[in-house]
Amino acid sequence: MPILEYHVLGAAPADAPYPELYVTRPDFHHQMNWLDDHGYQAVTLEAVEDAWYRGGALPPKPVVLSFDDGYRPQFTFALPELRKHGWPGLLNLKTEGSDLYASNVEAMIGVGWELAAHTIHHLDLTTLDAAQLKEEIAGSRQILRREYGVPVADFCYPAGQFDDTVIAAVEAAGYTGATTEIPGDAERQKPYELSRFEILGSTGVSGLSTDLASG
């Protein structure tokens, strides 16, 4: 099951600390059109898990479009771009430091986007003690559920950092699954180690098609 991971949409400024994480808007537009032209249909991770574990149904070529951290262009550009195709996205939202207003997040949820927790402070979870780990993992879910009134079934590890202790805390907090930065297709047998294809500024349509063919 392919899950695509996007960060910032737009051209990287000269002082960007991680310019490779910026995907230009024309590239994103062309990638979405390529997916549509080749029969892919974006779904939520909740829909995937419903099909995997509860007998739900998916389209013939499903793909999850995930967006990490909560950057402003995810609302101003990704949202309208996906609406052209009638697709939802998966917004992995940190509760502190996001560029999105609450009204932006509400608008995304209102047209079918799934909201997943991405901790409170975007810390390396493998370095935290038990109390800090519970705050970041269970606490972020509680905050999002309270603020937006949605289930928040899934979690996203900051910078892909996790270990067995972190996985146990995610499961104990009641999440159904968790996404990583391990490249490849997500597998139903590893719900708390779901792989993703990270889409970078250098990926383009050709790299996207190669990723999907390799899954």
N, C-alpha and C. Protein backbone atom coordinates (compact mmCIF):
# COMPACT_ATOMS: atom_id res chain seq x y z
N MET A 1 0.84 -1.18 0.00
CA MET A 1 0.00 0.00 0.00
C MET A 1 0.89 1.24 0.00
N PRO A 2 0.86 2.07 -1.05
CA PRO A 2 1.74 3.25 -1.08
C PRO A 2 1.20 4.43 -0.28
N ILE A 3 2.07 4.97 0.57
CA ILE A 3 1.81 6.21 1.28
C ILE A 3 2.90 7.19 0.86
N LEU A 4 2.51 8.33 0.33
CA LEU A 4 3.46 9.35 -0.10
C LEU A 4 3.62 10.39 1.00
N GLU A 5 4.84 10.81 1.25
CA GLU A 5 5.13 11.79 2.31
C GLU A 5 5.62 13.11 1.70
N TYR A 6 4.85 14.17 1.93
CA TYR A 6 5.23 15.52 1.49
C TYR A 6 5.49 16.40 2.70
N HIS A 7 6.36 17.39 2.50
CA HIS A 7 6.65 18.37 3.55
C HIS A 7 6.16 19.75 3.10
N VAL A 8 7.02 20.54 2.50
CA VAL A 8 6.68 21.91 2.12
C VAL A 8 6.46 21.99 0.61
N LEU A 9 5.40 22.65 0.20
CA LEU A 9 5.12 22.86 -1.22
C LEU A 9 5.52 24.29 -1.59
N GLY A 10 6.41 24.41 -2.55
CA GLY A 10 6.89 25.73 -2.97
C GLY A 10 8.38 25.68 -3.21
N ALA A 11 8.92 26.77 -3.71
CA ALA A 11 10.36 26.87 -3.95
C ALA A 11 11.07 27.13 -2.62
N ALA A 12 12.21 26.47 -2.42
CA ALA A 12 12.96 26.64 -1.17
C ALA A 12 13.63 28.00 -1.13
N PRO A 13 13.46 28.77 -0.06
CA PRO A 13 14.19 30.03 0.08
C PRO A 13 15.69 29.77 0.25
N ALA A 14 16.47 30.79 0.04
CA ALA A 14 17.93 30.64 0.08
C ALA A 14 18.42 30.16 1.43
N ASP A 15 17.72 30.52 2.50
CA ASP A 15 18.17 30.16 3.84
C ASP A 15 17.47 28.93 4.41
N ALA A 16 16.79 28.16 3.57
CA ALA A 16 16.07 26.98 4.04
C ALA A 16 17.05 25.96 4.61
N PRO A 17 16.84 25.46 5.84
CA PRO A 17 17.78 24.50 6.42
C PRO A 17 17.76 23.14 5.73
N TYR A 18 16.62 22.77 5.16
CA TYR A 18 16.49 21.49 4.46
C TYR A 18 15.83 21.72 3.10
N PRO A 19 16.55 22.31 2.16
CA PRO A 19 15.92 22.67 0.87
C PRO A 19 15.40 21.47 0.09
N GLU A 20 15.95 20.28 0.36
CA GLU A 20 15.51 19.10 -0.37
C GLU A 20 14.08 18.71 -0.03
N LEU A 21 13.54 19.23 1.07
CA LEU A 21 12.18 18.89 1.48
C LEU A 21 11.12 19.72 0.76
N TYR A 22 11.53 20.70 -0.02
CA TYR A 22 10.60 21.57 -0.73
C TYR A 22 10.28 20.97 -2.10
N VAL A 23 9.00 20.76 -2.36
CA VAL A 23 8.52 20.30 -3.67
C VAL A 23 7.82 21.48 -4.33
N THR A 24 8.25 21.87 -5.51
CA THR A 24 7.64 23.03 -6.15
C THR A 24 6.19 22.75 -6.47
N ARG A 25 5.42 23.80 -6.54
CA ARG A 25 3.99 23.63 -6.81
C ARG A 25 3.72 23.06 -8.20
N PRO A 26 4.47 23.47 -9.24
CA PRO A 26 4.27 22.80 -10.54
C PRO A 26 4.56 21.30 -10.47
N ASP A 27 5.62 20.91 -9.75
CA ASP A 27 5.92 19.49 -9.61
C ASP A 27 4.79 18.76 -8.91
N PHE A 28 4.28 19.33 -7.82
CA PHE A 28 3.18 18.70 -7.10
C PHE A 28 1.95 18.57 -8.00
N HIS A 29 1.65 19.63 -8.74
CA HIS A 29 0.52 19.61 -9.68
C HIS A 29 0.69 18.48 -10.70
N HIS A 30 1.87 18.36 -11.28
CA HIS A 30 2.11 17.32 -12.28
C HIS A 30 2.04 15.92 -11.67
N GLN A 31 2.53 15.78 -10.43
CA GLN A 31 2.46 14.48 -9.77
C GLN A 31 1.02 14.05 -9.49
N MET A 32 0.19 14.99 -9.04
CA MET A 32 -1.21 14.66 -8.80
C MET A 32 -1.92 14.28 -10.10
N ASN A 33 -1.63 15.01 -11.16
CA ASN A 33 -2.23 14.68 -12.46
C ASN A 33 -1.76 13.31 -12.94
N TRP A 34 -0.47 13.01 -12.72
CA TRP A 34 0.06 11.70 -13.14
C TRP A 34 -0.65 10.58 -12.39
N LEU A 35 -0.83 10.75 -11.09
CA LEU A 35 -1.54 9.74 -10.31
C LEU A 35 -2.94 9.52 -10.85
N ASP A 36 -3.65 10.61 -11.10
CA ASP A 36 -5.01 10.52 -11.59
C ASP A 36 -5.04 9.85 -12.96
N ASP A 37 -4.15 10.26 -13.85
CA ASP A 37 -4.11 9.70 -15.21
C ASP A 37 -3.80 8.21 -15.20
N HIS A 38 -3.08 7.74 -14.18
CA HIS A 38 -2.70 6.32 -14.12
C HIS A 38 -3.61 5.51 -13.19
N GLY A 39 -4.75 6.07 -12.85
CA GLY A 39 -5.77 5.30 -12.15
C GLY A 39 -5.65 5.24 -10.64
N TYR A 40 -4.71 5.99 -10.06
CA TYR A 40 -4.61 6.02 -8.60
C TYR A 40 -5.71 6.90 -8.02
N GLN A 41 -6.13 6.56 -6.83
CA GLN A 41 -7.14 7.35 -6.13
C GLN A 41 -6.71 7.51 -4.68
N ALA A 42 -6.60 8.74 -4.22
CA ALA A 42 -6.17 9.00 -2.85
C ALA A 42 -7.28 8.64 -1.87
N VAL A 43 -6.87 8.02 -0.77
CA VAL A 43 -7.79 7.64 0.31
C VAL A 43 -7.12 8.02 1.64
N THR A 44 -7.88 7.99 2.71
CA THR A 44 -7.30 8.24 4.03
C THR A 44 -6.66 6.96 4.56
N LEU A 45 -5.76 7.13 5.51
CA LEU A 45 -5.18 5.97 6.16
C LEU A 45 -6.23 5.22 6.97
N GLU A 46 -7.19 5.95 7.50
CA GLU A 46 -8.30 5.31 8.21
C GLU A 46 -9.05 4.34 7.29
N ALA A 47 -9.24 4.74 6.03
CA ALA A 47 -9.93 3.87 5.07
C ALA A 47 -9.10 2.62 4.78
N VAL A 48 -7.79 2.79 4.69
CA VAL A 48 -6.91 1.65 4.47
C VAL A 48 -7.01 0.67 5.63
N GLU A 49 -6.95 1.19 6.84
CA GLU A 49 -7.01 0.33 8.02
C GLU A 49 -8.38 -0.33 8.15
N ASP A 50 -9.42 0.36 7.73
CA ASP A 50 -10.75 -0.23 7.74
C ASP A 50 -10.80 -1.42 6.78
N ALA A 51 -10.16 -1.29 5.62
CA ALA A 51 -10.12 -2.39 4.66
C ALA A 51 -9.24 -3.53 5.16
N TRP A 52 -8.12 -3.20 5.77
CA TRP A 52 -7.19 -4.22 6.25
C TRP A 52 -7.75 -5.04 7.41
N TYR A 53 -8.41 -4.36 8.35
CA TYR A 53 -8.75 -5.01 9.62
C TYR A 53 -10.24 -5.19 9.87
N ARG A 54 -11.09 -4.50 9.10
CA ARG A 54 -12.52 -4.55 9.41
C ARG A 54 -13.39 -4.86 8.18
N GLY A 55 -12.77 -5.31 7.10
CA GLY A 55 -13.55 -5.75 5.94
C GLY A 55 -14.06 -4.65 5.05
N GLY A 56 -13.50 -3.43 5.16
CA GLY A 56 -13.90 -2.34 4.29
C GLY A 56 -13.37 -2.51 2.88
N ALA A 57 -13.75 -1.59 2.00
CA ALA A 57 -13.36 -1.68 0.59
C ALA A 57 -12.50 -0.49 0.20
N LEU A 58 -11.58 -0.72 -0.75
CA LEU A 58 -10.73 0.32 -1.31
C LEU A 58 -10.85 0.33 -2.82
N PRO A 59 -10.53 1.45 -3.47
CA PRO A 59 -10.51 1.46 -4.93
C PRO A 59 -9.38 0.57 -5.45
N PRO A 60 -9.36 0.27 -6.74
CA PRO A 60 -8.35 -0.65 -7.29
C PRO A 60 -6.90 -0.22 -7.07
N LYS A 61 -6.63 1.10 -7.13
CA LYS A 61 -5.25 1.58 -6.98
C LYS A 61 -5.22 2.71 -5.94
N PRO A 62 -5.34 2.35 -4.67
CA PRO A 62 -5.37 3.40 -3.63
C PRO A 62 -3.97 3.93 -3.34
N VAL A 63 -3.90 5.18 -2.90
CA VAL A 63 -2.67 5.79 -2.43
C VAL A 63 -3.04 6.79 -1.34
N VAL A 64 -2.22 6.86 -0.30
CA VAL A 64 -2.42 7.84 0.76
C VAL A 64 -1.45 8.99 0.54
N LEU A 65 -1.96 10.22 0.55
CA LEU A 65 -1.15 11.43 0.38
C LEU A 65 -0.99 12.07 1.75
N SER A 66 0.19 11.94 2.35
CA SER A 66 0.40 12.45 3.70
C SER A 66 1.26 13.70 3.69
N PHE A 67 0.95 14.61 4.61
CA PHE A 67 1.62 15.91 4.70
C PHE A 67 2.03 16.13 6.15
N ASP A 68 3.33 16.28 6.38
CA ASP A 68 3.85 16.35 7.74
C ASP A 68 3.99 17.79 8.26
N ASP A 69 3.76 17.95 9.56
CA ASP A 69 4.09 19.13 10.36
C ASP A 69 3.04 20.24 10.35
N GLY A 70 2.39 20.49 9.24
CA GLY A 70 1.40 21.57 9.19
C GLY A 70 1.95 22.85 8.63
N TYR A 71 2.50 22.78 7.41
CA TYR A 71 2.99 23.97 6.72
C TYR A 71 1.84 24.68 6.01
N ARG A 72 1.92 26.00 5.94
CA ARG A 72 0.85 26.81 5.38
C ARG A 72 0.44 26.39 3.96
N PRO A 73 1.39 26.09 3.04
CA PRO A 73 0.98 25.71 1.69
C PRO A 73 0.18 24.42 1.60
N GLN A 74 0.18 23.63 2.67
CA GLN A 74 -0.65 22.45 2.66
C GLN A 74 -2.14 22.83 2.63
N PHE A 75 -2.45 23.99 3.18
CA PHE A 75 -3.81 24.50 3.10
C PHE A 75 -4.03 25.34 1.84
N THR A 76 -3.10 26.23 1.54
CA THR A 76 -3.30 27.17 0.44
C THR A 76 -3.12 26.53 -0.93
N PHE A 77 -2.34 25.44 -1.01
CA PHE A 77 -2.12 24.83 -2.32
C PHE A 77 -2.52 23.35 -2.38
N ALA A 78 -2.08 22.53 -1.42
CA ALA A 78 -2.41 21.11 -1.48
C ALA A 78 -3.91 20.87 -1.39
N LEU A 79 -4.58 21.58 -0.49
CA LEU A 79 -6.02 21.39 -0.33
C LEU A 79 -6.78 21.65 -1.63
N PRO A 80 -6.64 22.82 -2.28
CA PRO A 80 -7.38 23.02 -3.53
C PRO A 80 -6.93 22.09 -4.65
N GLU A 81 -5.64 21.75 -4.68
CA GLU A 81 -5.15 20.84 -5.72
C GLU A 81 -5.80 19.46 -5.58
N LEU A 82 -5.87 18.95 -4.36
CA LEU A 82 -6.50 17.65 -4.16
C LEU A 82 -8.01 17.70 -4.38
N ARG A 83 -8.62 18.84 -4.08
CA ARG A 83 -10.07 18.95 -4.30
C ARG A 83 -10.42 18.85 -5.78
N LYS A 84 -9.51 19.27 -6.66
CA LYS A 84 -9.76 19.13 -8.10
C LYS A 84 -9.96 17.66 -8.47
N HIS A 85 -9.31 16.78 -7.74
CA HIS A 85 -9.40 15.35 -8.04
C HIS A 85 -10.42 14.64 -7.14
N GLY A 86 -11.00 15.37 -6.20
CA GLY A 86 -11.94 14.77 -5.27
C GLY A 86 -11.28 13.88 -4.24
N TRP A 87 -10.04 14.25 -3.85
CA TRP A 87 -9.25 13.41 -2.96
C TRP A 87 -9.08 14.03 -1.58
N PRO A 88 -8.99 13.18 -0.53
CA PRO A 88 -8.58 13.66 0.79
C PRO A 88 -7.08 13.56 0.95
N GLY A 89 -6.57 14.19 1.99
CA GLY A 89 -5.17 14.04 2.37
C GLY A 89 -5.09 13.56 3.81
N LEU A 90 -3.88 13.25 4.24
CA LEU A 90 -3.61 12.88 5.63
C LEU A 90 -2.71 13.96 6.22
N LEU A 91 -3.21 14.72 7.17
CA LEU A 91 -2.47 15.81 7.78
C LEU A 91 -1.88 15.34 9.10
N ASN A 92 -0.55 15.17 9.14
CA ASN A 92 0.16 14.80 10.36
C ASN A 92 0.55 16.08 11.07
N LEU A 93 -0.20 16.41 12.12
CA LEU A 93 -0.11 17.75 12.71
C LEU A 93 0.54 17.73 14.08
N LYS A 94 1.62 18.51 14.23
CA LYS A 94 2.17 18.76 15.57
C LYS A 94 1.31 19.85 16.21
N THR A 95 1.05 19.74 17.50
CA THR A 95 0.11 20.66 18.13
C THR A 95 0.74 22.01 18.48
N GLU A 96 2.07 22.10 18.50
CA GLU A 96 2.76 23.36 18.73
C GLU A 96 3.69 23.64 17.55
N GLY A 97 3.65 24.87 17.05
CA GLY A 97 4.59 25.26 16.00
C GLY A 97 4.12 25.04 14.58
N SER A 98 2.89 24.63 14.39
CA SER A 98 2.35 24.51 13.04
C SER A 98 2.09 25.90 12.44
N ASP A 99 2.20 26.00 11.12
CA ASP A 99 1.88 27.24 10.43
C ASP A 99 0.39 27.39 10.14
N LEU A 100 -0.39 26.35 10.43
CA LEU A 100 -1.80 26.35 10.09
C LEU A 100 -2.65 26.93 11.22
N TYR A 101 -3.66 27.72 10.84
CA TYR A 101 -4.64 28.18 11.81
C TYR A 101 -5.64 27.04 12.08
N ALA A 102 -6.30 27.11 13.22
CA ALA A 102 -7.32 26.11 13.54
C ALA A 102 -8.40 26.08 12.47
N SER A 103 -8.75 27.25 11.93
CA SER A 103 -9.78 27.30 10.88
C SER A 103 -9.31 26.60 9.61
N ASN A 104 -8.00 26.63 9.32
CA ASN A 104 -7.46 25.90 8.17
C ASN A 104 -7.64 24.40 8.36
N VAL A 105 -7.26 23.93 9.53
CA VAL A 105 -7.37 22.50 9.83
C VAL A 105 -8.83 22.06 9.78
N GLU A 106 -9.71 22.87 10.32
CA GLU A 106 -11.14 22.55 10.29
C GLU A 106 -11.66 22.46 8.87
N ALA A 107 -11.19 23.35 7.99
CA ALA A 107 -11.61 23.32 6.59
C ALA A 107 -11.12 22.05 5.91
N MET A 108 -9.91 21.61 6.22
CA MET A 108 -9.36 20.39 5.63
C MET A 108 -10.14 19.17 6.11
N ILE A 109 -10.42 19.12 7.40
CA ILE A 109 -11.22 18.02 7.93
C ILE A 109 -12.61 18.02 7.30
N GLY A 110 -13.14 19.22 7.09
CA GLY A 110 -14.50 19.35 6.55
C GLY A 110 -14.68 18.79 5.16
N VAL A 111 -13.59 18.67 4.38
CA VAL A 111 -13.70 18.09 3.03
C VAL A 111 -13.08 16.70 2.97
N GLY A 112 -12.92 16.07 4.15
CA GLY A 112 -12.56 14.65 4.16
C GLY A 112 -11.15 14.30 4.52
N TRP A 113 -10.32 15.31 4.85
CA TRP A 113 -8.95 14.99 5.24
C TRP A 113 -8.95 14.29 6.59
N GLU A 114 -7.99 13.40 6.77
CA GLU A 114 -7.78 12.74 8.06
C GLU A 114 -6.73 13.52 8.85
N LEU A 115 -6.95 13.64 10.15
CA LEU A 115 -6.01 14.30 11.04
C LEU A 115 -5.30 13.24 11.88
N ALA A 116 -3.97 13.24 11.83
CA ALA A 116 -3.16 12.32 12.62
C ALA A 116 -2.24 13.12 13.54
N ALA A 117 -1.89 12.54 14.67
CA ALA A 117 -1.03 13.21 15.64
C ALA A 117 0.44 13.09 15.25
N HIS A 118 1.18 14.17 15.49
CA HIS A 118 2.61 14.22 15.16
C HIS A 118 3.39 14.79 16.35
N THR A 119 2.92 14.45 17.55
CA THR A 119 3.43 14.91 18.85
C THR A 119 3.06 16.37 19.12
N ILE A 120 3.51 16.86 20.26
CA ILE A 120 3.28 18.26 20.63
C ILE A 120 4.43 19.14 20.16
N HIS A 121 5.66 18.72 20.49
CA HIS A 121 6.82 19.58 20.23
C HIS A 121 7.78 19.04 19.18
N HIS A 122 7.41 17.94 18.48
CA HIS A 122 8.24 17.38 17.41
C HIS A 122 9.63 17.00 17.93
N LEU A 123 9.68 16.26 19.04
CA LEU A 123 10.93 15.83 19.64
C LEU A 123 11.31 14.44 19.17
N ASP A 124 12.57 14.07 19.34
CA ASP A 124 13.02 12.71 19.09
C ASP A 124 12.48 11.84 20.22
N LEU A 125 11.51 11.03 19.94
CA LEU A 125 10.82 10.26 20.98
C LEU A 125 11.72 9.22 21.64
N THR A 126 12.76 8.78 20.95
CA THR A 126 13.64 7.76 21.51
C THR A 126 14.51 8.29 22.64
N THR A 127 14.52 9.60 22.84
CA THR A 127 15.36 10.22 23.88
C THR A 127 14.57 10.59 25.13
N LEU A 128 13.26 10.34 25.16
CA LEU A 128 12.41 10.83 26.24
C LEU A 128 12.20 9.78 27.33
N ASP A 129 11.93 10.26 28.55
CA ASP A 129 11.56 9.33 29.62
C ASP A 129 10.08 8.98 29.49
N ALA A 130 9.60 8.12 30.35
CA ALA A 130 8.24 7.59 30.23
C ALA A 130 7.18 8.68 30.31
N ALA A 131 7.36 9.64 31.22
CA ALA A 131 6.37 10.71 31.38
C ALA A 131 6.35 11.62 30.16
N GLN A 132 7.52 11.97 29.65
CA GLN A 132 7.60 12.83 28.47
C GLN A 132 7.01 12.12 27.25
N LEU A 133 7.30 10.84 27.15
CA LEU A 133 6.80 10.05 26.03
C LEU A 133 5.27 10.03 26.04
N LYS A 134 4.69 9.82 27.20
CA LYS A 134 3.23 9.80 27.30
C LYS A 134 2.64 11.16 26.95
N GLU A 135 3.29 12.24 27.40
CA GLU A 135 2.79 13.57 27.08
C GLU A 135 2.80 13.82 25.58
N GLU A 136 3.90 13.49 24.93
CA GLU A 136 4.02 13.77 23.50
C GLU A 136 3.10 12.90 22.65
N ILE A 137 2.94 11.65 23.03
CA ILE A 137 2.16 10.71 22.22
C ILE A 137 0.68 10.73 22.60
N ALA A 138 0.37 10.40 23.84
CA ALA A 138 -1.04 10.39 24.26
C ALA A 138 -1.56 11.82 24.38
N GLY A 139 -0.72 12.73 24.86
CA GLY A 139 -1.16 14.11 25.03
C GLY A 139 -1.50 14.80 23.74
N SER A 140 -0.73 14.55 22.70
CA SER A 140 -1.03 15.19 21.41
C SER A 140 -2.36 14.70 20.86
N ARG A 141 -2.65 13.42 21.06
CA ARG A 141 -3.94 12.88 20.61
C ARG A 141 -5.10 13.52 21.36
N GLN A 142 -4.94 13.67 22.67
CA GLN A 142 -5.99 14.28 23.47
C GLN A 142 -6.26 15.72 23.04
N ILE A 143 -5.19 16.46 22.76
CA ILE A 143 -5.34 17.85 22.33
C ILE A 143 -6.09 17.94 21.01
N LEU A 144 -5.68 17.13 20.04
CA LEU A 144 -6.31 17.19 18.71
C LEU A 144 -7.77 16.74 18.78
N ARG A 145 -8.05 15.71 19.54
CA ARG A 145 -9.44 15.24 19.66
C ARG A 145 -10.31 16.30 20.31
N ARG A 146 -9.77 16.96 21.32
CA ARG A 146 -10.53 18.01 22.01
C ARG A 146 -10.77 19.22 21.10
N GLU A 147 -9.74 19.63 20.36
CA GLU A 147 -9.84 20.84 19.56
C GLU A 147 -10.65 20.65 18.29
N TYR A 148 -10.59 19.44 17.70
CA TYR A 148 -11.22 19.27 16.39
C TYR A 148 -12.34 18.23 16.37
N GLY A 149 -12.55 17.51 17.46
CA GLY A 149 -13.67 16.60 17.55
C GLY A 149 -13.62 15.44 16.57
N VAL A 150 -12.41 14.96 16.27
CA VAL A 150 -12.24 13.82 15.36
C VAL A 150 -11.50 12.70 16.09
N PRO A 151 -11.57 11.45 15.58
CA PRO A 151 -11.02 10.32 16.33
C PRO A 151 -9.50 10.35 16.52
N VAL A 152 -8.74 10.80 15.53
CA VAL A 152 -7.27 10.78 15.55
C VAL A 152 -6.79 9.36 15.81
N ALA A 153 -6.94 8.52 14.80
CA ALA A 153 -6.62 7.10 14.92
C ALA A 153 -5.15 6.79 14.65
N ASP A 154 -4.43 7.72 14.01
CA ASP A 154 -3.07 7.42 13.56
C ASP A 154 -2.05 8.42 14.07
N PHE A 155 -0.79 7.97 14.05
CA PHE A 155 0.33 8.74 14.60
C PHE A 155 1.45 8.77 13.56
N CYS A 156 2.27 9.81 13.63
CA CYS A 156 3.42 9.95 12.74
C CYS A 156 4.66 10.25 13.59
N TYR A 157 5.68 9.40 13.50
CA TYR A 157 6.90 9.60 14.28
C TYR A 157 7.69 10.81 13.77
N PRO A 158 8.01 11.78 14.62
CA PRO A 158 8.83 12.91 14.18
C PRO A 158 10.19 12.46 13.66
N ALA A 159 10.52 12.91 12.45
CA ALA A 159 11.78 12.54 11.79
C ALA A 159 11.96 11.03 11.67
N GLY A 160 10.87 10.29 11.79
CA GLY A 160 10.94 8.85 11.64
C GLY A 160 11.64 8.12 12.76
N GLN A 161 11.84 8.76 13.93
CA GLN A 161 12.60 8.16 15.02
C GLN A 161 11.67 7.38 15.95
N PHE A 162 11.93 6.08 16.08
CA PHE A 162 11.13 5.25 16.99
C PHE A 162 11.94 4.02 17.37
N ASP A 163 11.50 3.37 18.45
CA ASP A 163 12.06 2.09 18.87
C ASP A 163 10.93 1.30 19.52
N ASP A 164 11.25 0.16 20.11
CA ASP A 164 10.20 -0.68 20.69
C ASP A 164 9.44 0.02 21.81
N THR A 165 10.14 0.83 22.60
CA THR A 165 9.48 1.55 23.69
C THR A 165 8.50 2.58 23.16
N VAL A 166 8.90 3.26 22.10
CA VAL A 166 8.02 4.25 21.47
C VAL A 166 6.80 3.57 20.86
N ILE A 167 7.00 2.47 20.18
CA ILE A 167 5.88 1.73 19.59
C ILE A 167 4.89 1.31 20.67
N ALA A 168 5.40 0.83 21.80
CA ALA A 168 4.52 0.40 22.89
C ALA A 168 3.70 1.57 23.42
N ALA A 169 4.31 2.76 23.49
CA ALA A 169 3.59 3.95 23.96
C ALA A 169 2.52 4.38 22.96
N VAL A 170 2.81 4.26 21.67
CA VAL A 170 1.83 4.60 20.64
C VAL A 170 0.64 3.65 20.71
N GLU A 171 0.92 2.38 20.86
CA GLU A 171 -0.16 1.40 20.95
C GLU A 171 -0.98 1.63 22.22
N ALA A 172 -0.32 1.90 23.34
CA ALA A 172 -1.02 2.12 24.60
C ALA A 172 -1.90 3.35 24.56
N ALA A 173 -1.53 4.35 23.73
CA ALA A 173 -2.31 5.58 23.62
C ALA A 173 -3.58 5.38 22.78
N GLY A 174 -3.74 4.21 22.17
CA GLY A 174 -4.96 3.91 21.45
C GLY A 174 -4.93 4.14 19.96
N TYR A 175 -3.75 4.39 19.40
CA TYR A 175 -3.65 4.59 17.95
C TYR A 175 -3.77 3.25 17.22
N THR A 176 -4.33 3.32 16.01
CA THR A 176 -4.47 2.13 15.18
C THR A 176 -3.19 1.84 14.41
N GLY A 177 -2.46 2.90 14.01
CA GLY A 177 -1.25 2.72 13.23
C GLY A 177 -0.35 3.92 13.35
N ALA A 178 0.86 3.79 12.81
CA ALA A 178 1.84 4.88 12.86
C ALA A 178 2.73 4.83 11.62
N THR A 179 2.99 5.99 11.05
CA THR A 179 3.82 6.07 9.84
C THR A 179 5.26 6.41 10.18
N THR A 180 6.17 5.88 9.36
CA THR A 180 7.61 6.05 9.54
C THR A 180 8.18 6.77 8.32
N GLU A 181 9.51 6.81 8.26
CA GLU A 181 10.19 7.27 7.05
C GLU A 181 10.98 6.13 6.41
N ILE A 182 10.59 4.91 6.72
CA ILE A 182 11.17 3.75 6.05
C ILE A 182 10.62 3.69 4.64
N PRO A 183 11.47 3.67 3.62
CA PRO A 183 10.95 3.69 2.25
C PRO A 183 10.31 2.37 1.84
N GLY A 184 9.23 2.47 1.09
CA GLY A 184 8.56 1.29 0.58
C GLY A 184 7.07 1.33 0.82
N ASP A 185 6.39 0.27 0.43
CA ASP A 185 4.95 0.14 0.64
C ASP A 185 4.65 -0.17 2.10
N ALA A 186 3.58 0.40 2.62
CA ALA A 186 3.11 0.05 3.97
C ALA A 186 2.51 -1.35 3.94
N GLU A 187 2.70 -2.09 5.04
CA GLU A 187 2.21 -3.46 5.14
C GLU A 187 1.25 -3.61 6.31
N ARG A 188 0.17 -4.33 6.08
CA ARG A 188 -0.83 -4.50 7.13
C ARG A 188 -0.28 -5.26 8.33
N GLN A 189 0.77 -6.08 8.14
CA GLN A 189 1.35 -6.85 9.23
C GLN A 189 2.20 -5.98 10.17
N LYS A 190 2.48 -4.73 9.76
CA LYS A 190 3.30 -3.84 10.59
C LYS A 190 2.56 -2.51 10.81
N PRO A 191 1.47 -2.53 11.57
CA PRO A 191 0.65 -1.32 11.70
C PRO A 191 1.36 -0.14 12.35
N TYR A 192 2.36 -0.41 13.19
CA TYR A 192 3.06 0.69 13.87
C TYR A 192 4.43 0.98 13.25
N GLU A 193 4.65 0.41 12.08
CA GLU A 193 5.88 0.66 11.32
C GLU A 193 5.53 0.82 9.84
N LEU A 194 4.56 1.67 9.55
CA LEU A 194 4.08 1.84 8.18
C LEU A 194 5.08 2.63 7.36
N SER A 195 5.56 2.03 6.29
CA SER A 195 6.54 2.67 5.41
C SER A 195 5.87 3.74 4.56
N ARG A 196 6.70 4.68 4.08
CA ARG A 196 6.22 5.72 3.17
C ARG A 196 7.28 6.01 2.12
N PHE A 197 6.86 6.56 1.01
CA PHE A 197 7.77 7.08 0.00
C PHE A 197 7.90 8.58 0.23
N GLU A 198 9.09 9.04 0.61
CA GLU A 198 9.31 10.47 0.84
C GLU A 198 9.51 11.18 -0.50
N ILE A 199 8.67 12.15 -0.77
CA ILE A 199 8.74 12.89 -2.03
C ILE A 199 9.54 14.17 -1.80
N LEU A 200 10.67 14.28 -2.49
CA LEU A 200 11.57 15.41 -2.33
C LEU A 200 11.52 16.32 -3.55
N GLY A 201 12.24 17.42 -3.46
CA GLY A 201 12.27 18.35 -4.58
C GLY A 201 12.87 17.75 -5.83
N SER A 202 13.71 16.74 -5.65
CA SER A 202 14.35 16.09 -6.80
C SER A 202 13.56 14.91 -7.35
N THR A 203 12.45 14.57 -6.72
CA THR A 203 11.72 13.35 -7.10
C THR A 203 11.06 13.47 -8.48
N GLY A 204 10.25 14.51 -8.66
CA GLY A 204 9.56 14.69 -9.93
C GLY A 204 8.58 13.57 -10.23
N VAL A 205 8.00 13.63 -11.42
CA VAL A 205 7.06 12.58 -11.83
C VAL A 205 7.78 11.27 -12.07
N SER A 206 8.98 11.34 -12.65
CA SER A 206 9.71 10.12 -12.96
C SER A 206 10.08 9.36 -11.68
N GLY A 207 10.52 10.10 -10.66
CA GLY A 207 10.85 9.45 -9.39
C GLY A 207 9.62 8.90 -8.69
N LEU A 208 8.52 9.61 -8.80
CA LEU A 208 7.27 9.13 -8.21
C LEU A 208 6.85 7.81 -8.86
N SER A 209 6.91 7.76 -10.19
CA SER A 209 6.51 6.53 -10.88
C SER A 209 7.45 5.37 -10.54
N THR A 210 8.74 5.67 -10.36
CA THR A 210 9.70 4.64 -9.97
C THR A 210 9.41 4.12 -8.58
N ASP A 211 9.11 5.01 -7.65
CA ASP A 211 8.77 4.61 -6.29
C ASP A 211 7.56 3.67 -6.29
N LEU A 212 6.53 4.06 -7.00
CA LEU A 212 5.31 3.26 -7.00
C LEU A 212 5.52 1.90 -7.67
N ALA A 213 6.37 1.88 -8.68
CA ALA A 213 6.67 0.61 -9.37
C ALA A 213 7.50 -0.33 -8.50
N SER A 214 8.27 0.25 -7.55
CA SER A 214 9.16 -0.56 -6.73
C SER A 214 8.46 -1.13 -5.51
N GLY A 215 7.26 -0.63 -5.21
CA GLY A 215 6.58 -1.03 -4.00
C GLY A 215 6.05 -2.46 -4.05
